[in-house]
């Protein structure tokens, strides 16, 4: 699941949806903040909770956990000026 943070709905995007996705067992959750050009990634652990995987920015390549990291998203292609 990829959530793009909206300035007008940031609480809903960051807190409420996080709780909803965790409650429903979403396996991987990315929070994209376009204004700060960063992505925060959480993954579903074996205790039925989201675990923080990392925060990525600039020229990072984000490994997609549900594909065992074999697929990576290059942020230079996501955040273009």
PDB file of N, CA and C in Angstrom:
ATOM      1  N   UNK A   1       0.856  -1.153   0.000  1.00  0.00           N
ATOM      2  CA  UNK A   1       0.000   0.000   0.000  1.00  0.00           C
ATOM      3  C   UNK A   1       0.905   1.219   0.000  1.00  0.00           C
ATOM      4  N   UNK A   2       0.595   2.173  -0.862  1.00  0.00           N
ATOM      5  CA  UNK A   2       1.347   3.422  -0.914  1.00  0.00           C
ATOM      6  C   UNK A   2       0.380   4.557  -0.626  1.00  0.00           C
ATOM      7  N   UNK A   3       0.710   5.337   0.390  1.00  0.00           N
ATOM      8  CA  UNK A   3      -0.105   6.478   0.786  1.00  0.00           C
ATOM      9  C   UNK A   3       0.680   7.741   0.496  1.00  0.00           C
ATOM     10  N   UNK A   4       0.093   8.642  -0.270  1.00  0.00           N
ATOM     11  CA  UNK A   4       0.734   9.922  -0.554  1.00  0.00           C
ATOM     12  C   UNK A   4       0.127  10.948   0.396  1.00  0.00           C
ATOM     13  N   UNK A   5       0.978  11.551   1.226  1.00  0.00           N
ATOM     14  CA  UNK A   5       0.519  12.477   2.260  1.00  0.00           C
ATOM     15  C   UNK A   5       0.028  13.762   1.625  1.00  0.00           C
ATOM     16  N   UNK A   6      -1.158  14.148   2.032  1.00  0.00           N
ATOM     17  CA  UNK A   6      -1.758  15.397   1.597  1.00  0.00           C
ATOM     18  C   UNK A   6      -1.626  16.417   2.726  1.00  0.00           C
ATOM     19  N   UNK A   7      -1.204  17.637   2.434  1.00  0.00           N
ATOM     20  CA  UNK A   7      -1.068  18.640   3.494  1.00  0.00           C
ATOM     21  C   UNK A   7      -2.375  18.872   4.265  1.00  0.00           C
ATOM     22  N   UNK A   8      -3.489  18.758   3.599  1.00  0.00           N
ATOM     23  CA  UNK A   8      -4.779  19.012   4.250  1.00  0.00           C
ATOM     24  C   UNK A   8      -5.251  17.835   5.100  1.00  0.00           C
ATOM     25  N   UNK A   9      -4.770  16.631   4.825  1.00  0.00           N
ATOM     26  CA  UNK A   9      -5.237  15.443   5.544  1.00  0.00           C
ATOM     27  C   UNK A   9      -4.103  14.678   6.208  1.00  0.00           C
ATOM     28  N   UNK A  10      -3.052  15.352   6.631  1.00  0.00           N
ATOM     29  CA  UNK A  10      -1.871  14.636   7.108  1.00  0.00           C
ATOM     30  C   UNK A  10      -2.162  13.750   8.319  1.00  0.00           C
ATOM     31  N   UNK A  11      -2.987  14.191   9.271  1.00  0.00           N
ATOM     32  CA  UNK A  11      -3.306  13.338  10.422  1.00  0.00           C
ATOM     33  C   UNK A  11      -4.015  12.079   9.961  1.00  0.00           C
ATOM     34  N   UNK A  12      -4.980  12.250   9.085  1.00  0.00           N
ATOM     35  CA  UNK A  12      -5.724  11.097   8.565  1.00  0.00           C
ATOM     36  C   UNK A  12      -4.783  10.161   7.809  1.00  0.00           C
ATOM     37  N   UNK A  13      -3.917  10.734   6.980  1.00  0.00           N
ATOM     38  CA  UNK A  13      -2.994   9.927   6.180  1.00  0.00           C
ATOM     39  C   UNK A  13      -1.971   9.208   7.054  1.00  0.00           C
ATOM     40  N   UNK A  14      -1.446   9.897   8.077  1.00  0.00           N
ATOM     41  CA  UNK A  14      -0.353   9.349   8.864  1.00  0.00           C
ATOM     42  C   UNK A  14      -0.793   8.487  10.041  1.00  0.00           C
ATOM     43  N   UNK A  15      -1.891   8.793  10.653  1.00  0.00           N
ATOM     44  CA  UNK A  15      -2.305   8.063  11.855  1.00  0.00           C
ATOM     45  C   UNK A  15      -3.472   7.120  11.574  1.00  0.00           C
ATOM     46  N   UNK A  16      -4.568   7.687  11.118  1.00  0.00           N
ATOM     47  CA  UNK A  16      -5.797   6.901  10.955  1.00  0.00           C
ATOM     48  C   UNK A  16      -5.622   5.766   9.946  1.00  0.00           C
ATOM     49  N   UNK A  17      -5.063   6.076   8.793  1.00  0.00           N
ATOM     50  CA  UNK A  17      -4.896   5.045   7.765  1.00  0.00           C
ATOM     51  C   UNK A  17      -3.854   4.014   8.174  1.00  0.00           C
ATOM     52  N   UNK A  18      -2.804   4.453   8.872  1.00  0.00           N
ATOM     53  CA  UNK A  18      -1.810   3.517   9.397  1.00  0.00           C
ATOM     54  C   UNK A  18      -2.507   2.456  10.244  1.00  0.00           C
ATOM     55  N   UNK A  19      -3.359   2.897  11.156  1.00  0.00           N
ATOM     56  CA  UNK A  19      -4.083   1.974  12.036  1.00  0.00           C
ATOM     57  C   UNK A  19      -5.009   1.045  11.255  1.00  0.00           C
ATOM     58  N   UNK A  20      -5.694   1.590  10.264  1.00  0.00           N
ATOM     59  CA  UNK A  20      -6.614   0.783   9.448  1.00  0.00           C
ATOM     60  C   UNK A  20      -5.842  -0.277   8.668  1.00  0.00           C
ATOM     61  N   UNK A  21      -4.750   0.110   8.025  1.00  0.00           N
ATOM     62  CA  UNK A  21      -3.975  -0.838   7.234  1.00  0.00           C
ATOM     63  C   UNK A  21      -3.361  -1.921   8.113  1.00  0.00           C
ATOM     64  N   UNK A  22      -2.886  -1.521   9.288  1.00  0.00           N
ATOM     65  CA  UNK A  22      -2.314  -2.512  10.213  1.00  0.00           C
ATOM     66  C   UNK A  22      -3.393  -3.486  10.688  1.00  0.00           C
ATOM     67  N   UNK A  23      -4.555  -2.958  11.003  1.00  0.00           N
ATOM     68  CA  UNK A  23      -5.670  -3.792  11.465  1.00  0.00           C
ATOM     69  C   UNK A  23      -6.067  -4.832  10.417  1.00  0.00           C
ATOM     70  N   UNK A  24      -5.924  -4.478   9.158  1.00  0.00           N
ATOM     71  CA  UNK A  24      -6.341  -5.378   8.075  1.00  0.00           C
ATOM     72  C   UNK A  24      -5.192  -6.192   7.482  1.00  0.00           C
ATOM     73  N   UNK A  25      -4.011  -6.107   8.087  1.00  0.00           N
ATOM     74  CA  UNK A  25      -2.916  -6.976   7.684  1.00  0.00           C
ATOM     75  C   UNK A  25      -2.240  -6.630   6.380  1.00  0.00           C
ATOM     76  N   UNK A  26      -2.235  -5.354   6.020  1.00  0.00           N
ATOM     77  CA  UNK A  26      -1.505  -4.936   4.815  1.00  0.00           C
ATOM     78  C   UNK A  26      -0.039  -5.310   5.013  1.00  0.00           C
ATOM     79  N   UNK A  27       0.543  -5.991   4.060  1.00  0.00           N
ATOM     80  CA  UNK A  27       1.886  -6.563   4.223  1.00  0.00           C
ATOM     81  C   UNK A  27       3.015  -5.539   4.174  1.00  0.00           C
ATOM     82  N   UNK A  28       2.817  -4.479   3.433  1.00  0.00           N
ATOM     83  CA  UNK A  28       3.852  -3.444   3.347  1.00  0.00           C
ATOM     84  C   UNK A  28       3.153  -2.108   3.126  1.00  0.00           C
ATOM     85  N   UNK A  29       3.642  -1.089   3.804  1.00  0.00           N
ATOM     86  CA  UNK A  29       2.987   0.215   3.785  1.00  0.00           C
ATOM     87  C   UNK A  29       4.039   1.297   3.593  1.00  0.00           C
ATOM     88  N   UNK A  30       3.872   2.065   2.523  1.00  0.00           N
ATOM     89  CA  UNK A  30       4.787   3.162   2.228  1.00  0.00           C
ATOM     90  C   UNK A  30       4.044   4.478   2.416  1.00  0.00           C
ATOM     91  N   UNK A  31       4.676   5.416   3.109  1.00  0.00           N
ATOM     92  CA  UNK A  31       4.123   6.752   3.272  1.00  0.00           C
ATOM     93  C   UNK A  31       5.029   7.702   2.492  1.00  0.00           C
ATOM     94  N   UNK A  32       4.469   8.276   1.440  1.00  0.00           N
ATOM     95  CA  UNK A  32       5.222   9.163   0.553  1.00  0.00           C
ATOM     96  C   UNK A  32       4.898  10.608   0.916  1.00  0.00           C
ATOM     97  N   UNK A  33       5.935  11.377   1.204  1.00  0.00           N
ATOM     98  CA  UNK A  33       5.768  12.784   1.524  1.00  0.00           C
ATOM     99  C   UNK A  33       6.371  13.606   0.388  1.00  0.00           C
ATOM    100  N   UNK A  34       5.524  14.049  -0.557  1.00  0.00           N
ATOM    101  CA  UNK A  34       6.040  14.765  -1.724  1.00  0.00           C
ATOM    102  C   UNK A  34       6.725  16.094  -1.377  1.00  0.00           C
ATOM    103  N   UNK A  35       6.235  16.791  -0.366  1.00  0.00           N
ATOM    104  CA  UNK A  35       6.827  18.099  -0.053  1.00  0.00           C
ATOM    105  C   UNK A  35       8.240  17.961   0.507  1.00  0.00           C
ATOM    106  N   UNK A  36       8.519  16.899   1.261  1.00  0.00           N
ATOM    107  CA  UNK A  36       9.860  16.661   1.800  1.00  0.00           C
ATOM    108  C   UNK A  36      10.665  15.675   0.952  1.00  0.00           C
ATOM    109  N   UNK A  37      10.032  15.130  -0.069  1.00  0.00           N
ATOM    110  CA  UNK A  37      10.645  14.155  -0.977  1.00  0.00           C
ATOM    111  C   UNK A  37      11.286  12.992  -0.213  1.00  0.00           C
ATOM    112  N   UNK A  38      10.472  12.365   0.638  1.00  0.00           N
ATOM    113  CA  UNK A  38      10.944  11.170   1.334  1.00  0.00           C
ATOM    114  C   UNK A  38       9.836  10.135   1.423  1.00  0.00           C
ATOM    115  N   UNK A  39      10.250   8.910   1.701  1.00  0.00           N
ATOM    116  CA  UNK A  39       9.317   7.784   1.816  1.00  0.00           C
ATOM    117  C   UNK A  39       9.675   7.021   3.092  1.00  0.00           C
ATOM    118  N   UNK A  40       8.645   6.760   3.902  1.00  0.00           N
ATOM    119  CA  UNK A  40       8.821   5.954   5.106  1.00  0.00           C
ATOM    120  C   UNK A  40       8.160   4.606   4.848  1.00  0.00           C
ATOM    121  N   UNK A  41       8.868   3.537   5.169  1.00  0.00           N
ATOM    122  CA  UNK A  41       8.386   2.191   4.848  1.00  0.00           C
ATOM    123  C   UNK A  41       8.218   1.369   6.124  1.00  0.00           C
ATOM    124  N   UNK A  42       7.065   0.684   6.189  1.00  0.00           N
ATOM    125  CA  UNK A  42       6.767  -0.254   7.261  1.00  0.00           C
ATOM    126  C   UNK A  42       6.442  -1.605   6.632  1.00  0.00           C
ATOM    127  N   UNK A  43       6.746  -2.691   7.333  1.00  0.00           N
ATOM    128  CA  UNK A  43       6.367  -4.012   6.848  1.00  0.00           C
ATOM    129  C   UNK A  43       5.681  -4.785   7.969  1.00  0.00           C
ATOM    130  N   UNK A  44       4.871  -5.729   7.581  1.00  0.00           N
ATOM    131  CA  UNK A  44       4.090  -6.575   8.475  1.00  0.00           C
ATOM    132  C   UNK A  44       5.000  -7.646   9.053  1.00  0.00           C
ATOM    133  N   UNK A  45       5.051  -7.740  10.372  1.00  0.00           N
ATOM    134  CA  UNK A  45       5.921  -8.747  10.974  1.00  0.00           C
ATOM    135  C   UNK A  45       5.118  -9.975  11.413  1.00  0.00           C
ATOM    136  N   UNK A  46       5.793 -10.942  11.986  1.00  0.00           N
ATOM    137  CA  UNK A  46       5.129 -12.180  12.393  1.00  0.00           C
ATOM    138  C   UNK A  46       4.334 -12.022  13.688  1.00  0.00           C
ATOM    139  N   UNK A  47       4.327 -10.810  14.252  1.00  0.00           N
ATOM    140  CA  UNK A  47       3.529 -10.538  15.447  1.00  0.00           C
ATOM    141  C   UNK A  47       2.289  -9.715  15.110  1.00  0.00           C
ATOM    142  N   UNK A  48       1.964  -9.660  13.829  1.00  0.00           N
ATOM    143  CA  UNK A  48       0.788  -8.935  13.339  1.00  0.00           C
ATOM    144  C   UNK A  48       0.840  -7.438  13.645  1.00  0.00           C
ATOM    145  N   UNK A  49       2.012  -6.866  13.466  1.00  0.00           N
ATOM    146  CA  UNK A  49       2.209  -5.429  13.667  1.00  0.00           C
ATOM    147  C   UNK A  49       3.115  -4.894  12.567  1.00  0.00           C
ATOM    148  N   UNK A  50       2.955  -3.596  12.281  1.00  0.00           N
ATOM    149  CA  UNK A  50       3.889  -2.944  11.375  1.00  0.00           C
ATOM    150  C   UNK A  50       5.205  -2.702  12.097  1.00  0.00           C
ATOM    151  N   UNK A  51       6.294  -2.940  11.394  1.00  0.00           N
ATOM    152  CA  UNK A  51       7.631  -2.628  11.881  1.00  0.00           C
ATOM    153  C   UNK A  51       8.245  -1.608  10.931  1.00  0.00           C
ATOM    154  N   UNK A  52       8.918  -0.643  11.501  1.00  0.00           N
ATOM    155  CA  UNK A  52       9.602   0.369  10.713  1.00  0.00           C
ATOM    156  C   UNK A  52      10.746  -0.281   9.947  1.00  0.00           C
ATOM    157  N   UNK A  53      10.754  -0.085   8.635  1.00  0.00           N
ATOM    158  CA  UNK A  53      11.819  -0.640   7.806  1.00  0.00           C
ATOM    159  C   UNK A  53      12.871   0.421   7.502  1.00  0.00           C
ATOM    160  N   UNK A  54      12.423   1.658   7.286  1.00  0.00           N
ATOM    161  CA  UNK A  54      13.377   2.722   7.021  1.00  0.00           C
ATOM    162  C   UNK A  54      12.733   3.947   6.417  1.00  0.00           C
ATOM    163  N   UNK A  55      13.514   5.035   6.387  1.00  0.00           N
ATOM    164  CA  UNK A  55      13.102   6.256   5.716  1.00  0.00           C
ATOM    165  C   UNK A  55      14.103   6.480   4.590  1.00  0.00           C
ATOM    166  N   UNK A  56      13.587   6.806   3.443  1.00  0.00           N
ATOM    167  CA  UNK A  56      14.406   6.915   2.237  1.00  0.00           C
ATOM    168  C   UNK A  56      14.203   8.283   1.600  1.00  0.00           C
ATOM    169  N   UNK A  57      15.263   8.802   0.983  1.00  0.00           N
ATOM    170  CA  UNK A  57      15.208  10.107   0.330  1.00  0.00           C
ATOM    171  C   UNK A  57      16.316  10.191  -0.717  1.00  0.00           C
ATOM    172  N   UNK A  58      16.279  11.282  -1.467  1.00  0.00           N
ATOM    173  CA  UNK A  58      17.283  11.640  -2.468  1.00  0.00           C
ATOM    174  C   UNK A  58      17.502  10.531  -3.495  1.00  0.00           C
ATOM    175  N   UNK A  59      18.684   9.923  -3.524  1.00  0.00           N
ATOM    176  CA  UNK A  59      18.983   8.926  -4.555  1.00  0.00           C
ATOM    177  C   UNK A  59      18.891   7.493  -4.032  1.00  0.00           C
ATOM    178  N   UNK A  60      18.170   7.316  -2.909  1.00  0.00           N
ATOM    179  CA  UNK A  60      17.996   5.964  -2.359  1.00  0.00           C
ATOM    180  C   UNK A  60      17.190   5.083  -3.307  1.00  0.00           C
ATOM    181  N   UNK A  61      17.436   3.804  -3.195  1.00  0.00           N
ATOM    182  CA  UNK A  61      16.646   2.798  -3.901  1.00  0.00           C
ATOM    183  C   UNK A  61      15.967   1.960  -2.817  1.00  0.00           C
ATOM    184  N   UNK A  62      14.642   1.949  -2.829  1.00  0.00           N
ATOM    185  CA  UNK A  62      13.879   1.275  -1.786  1.00  0.00           C
ATOM    186  C   UNK A  62      13.612  -0.176  -2.180  1.00  0.00           C
ATOM    187  N   UNK A  63      14.087  -1.130  -1.367  1.00  0.00           N
ATOM    188  CA  UNK A  63      13.763  -2.531  -1.648  1.00  0.00           C
ATOM    189  C   UNK A  63      12.304  -2.811  -1.282  1.00  0.00           C
ATOM    190  N   UNK A  64      11.604  -3.486  -2.159  1.00  0.00           N
ATOM    191  CA  UNK A  64      10.205  -3.829  -1.907  1.00  0.00           C
ATOM    192  C   UNK A  64      10.186  -5.154  -1.144  1.00  0.00           C
ATOM    193  N   UNK A  65       9.817  -5.081   0.117  1.00  0.00           N
ATOM    194  CA  UNK A  65       9.881  -6.225   1.023  1.00  0.00           C
ATOM    195  C   UNK A  65       9.020  -7.404   0.556  1.00  0.00           C
ATOM    196  N   UNK A  66       7.843  -7.112  -0.001  1.00  0.00           N
ATOM    197  CA  UNK A  66       6.963  -8.221  -0.407  1.00  0.00           C
ATOM    198  C   UNK A  66       7.515  -8.996  -1.607  1.00  0.00           C
ATOM    199  N   UNK A  67       8.539  -8.434  -2.256  1.00  0.00           N
ATOM    200  CA  UNK A  67       9.226  -9.140  -3.333  1.00  0.00           C
ATOM    201  C   UNK A  67      10.634  -9.534  -2.902  1.00  0.00           C
ATOM    202  N   UNK A  68      10.821  -9.718  -1.602  1.00  0.00           N
ATOM    203  CA  UNK A  68      12.099 -10.127  -1.011  1.00  0.00           C
ATOM    204  C   UNK A  68      13.250  -9.191  -1.364  1.00  0.00           C
ATOM    205  N   UNK A  69      12.927  -7.923  -1.654  1.00  0.00           N
ATOM    206  CA  UNK A  69      13.966  -6.951  -1.981  1.00  0.00           C
ATOM    207  C   UNK A  69      14.512  -7.069  -3.383  1.00  0.00           C
ATOM    208  N   UNK A  70      13.984  -8.028  -4.184  1.00  0.00           N
ATOM    209  CA  UNK A  70      14.458  -8.204  -5.559  1.00  0.00           C
ATOM    210  C   UNK A  70      14.057  -7.030  -6.454  1.00  0.00           C
ATOM    211  N   UNK A  71      12.977  -6.352  -6.098  1.00  0.00           N
ATOM    212  CA  UNK A  71      12.527  -5.158  -6.816  1.00  0.00           C
ATOM    213  C   UNK A  71      12.895  -3.948  -5.971  1.00  0.00           C
ATOM    214  N   UNK A  72      13.471  -2.927  -6.613  1.00  0.00           N
ATOM    215  CA  UNK A  72      13.835  -1.711  -5.906  1.00  0.00           C
ATOM    216  C   UNK A  72      13.253  -0.511  -6.653  1.00  0.00           C
ATOM    217  N   UNK A  73      12.763   0.457  -5.898  1.00  0.00           N
ATOM    218  CA  UNK A  73      12.225   1.679  -6.473  1.00  0.00           C
ATOM    219  C   UNK A  73      13.259   2.790  -6.296  1.00  0.00           C
ATOM    220  N   UNK A  74      13.695   3.346  -7.414  1.00  0.00           N
ATOM    221  CA  UNK A  74      14.706   4.405  -7.435  1.00  0.00           C
ATOM    222  C   UNK A  74      14.021   5.756  -7.224  1.00  0.00           C
ATOM    223  N   UNK A  75      14.326   6.411  -6.097  1.00  0.00           N
ATOM    224  CA  UNK A  75      13.652   7.670  -5.789  1.00  0.00           C
ATOM    225  C   UNK A  75      14.012   8.797  -6.734  1.00  0.00           C
ATOM    226  N   UNK A  76      15.118   8.688  -7.456  1.00  0.00           N
ATOM    227  CA  UNK A  76      15.428   9.726  -8.446  1.00  0.00           C
ATOM    228  C   UNK A  76      14.405   9.709  -9.572  1.00  0.00           C
ATOM    229  N   UNK A  77      13.723   8.601  -9.750  1.00  0.00           N
ATOM    230  CA  UNK A  77      12.673   8.514 -10.760  1.00  0.00           C
ATOM    231  C   UNK A  77      11.307   8.904 -10.203  1.00  0.00           C
ATOM    232  N   UNK A  78      11.178   8.926  -8.890  1.00  0.00           N
ATOM    233  CA  UNK A  78       9.910   9.281  -8.256  1.00  0.00           C
ATOM    234  C   UNK A  78       9.797  10.778  -8.046  1.00  0.00           C
ATOM    235  N   UNK A  79      10.844  11.357  -7.488  1.00  0.00           N
ATOM    236  CA  UNK A  79      10.846  12.784  -7.181  1.00  0.00           C
ATOM    237  C   UNK A  79      11.692  13.516  -8.221  1.00  0.00           C
ATOM    238  N   UNK A  80      11.069  13.907  -9.301  1.00  0.00           N
ATOM    239  CA  UNK A  80      11.771  14.657 -10.343  1.00  0.00           C
ATOM    240  C   UNK A  80      11.358  16.113 -10.265  1.00  0.00           C
ATOM    241  N   UNK A  81      12.305  16.988 -10.455  1.00  0.00           N
ATOM    242  CA  UNK A  81      12.022  18.425 -10.368  1.00  0.00           C
ATOM    243  C   UNK A  81      11.443  18.962 -11.651  1.00  0.00           C
TER     244      UNK A  81
END
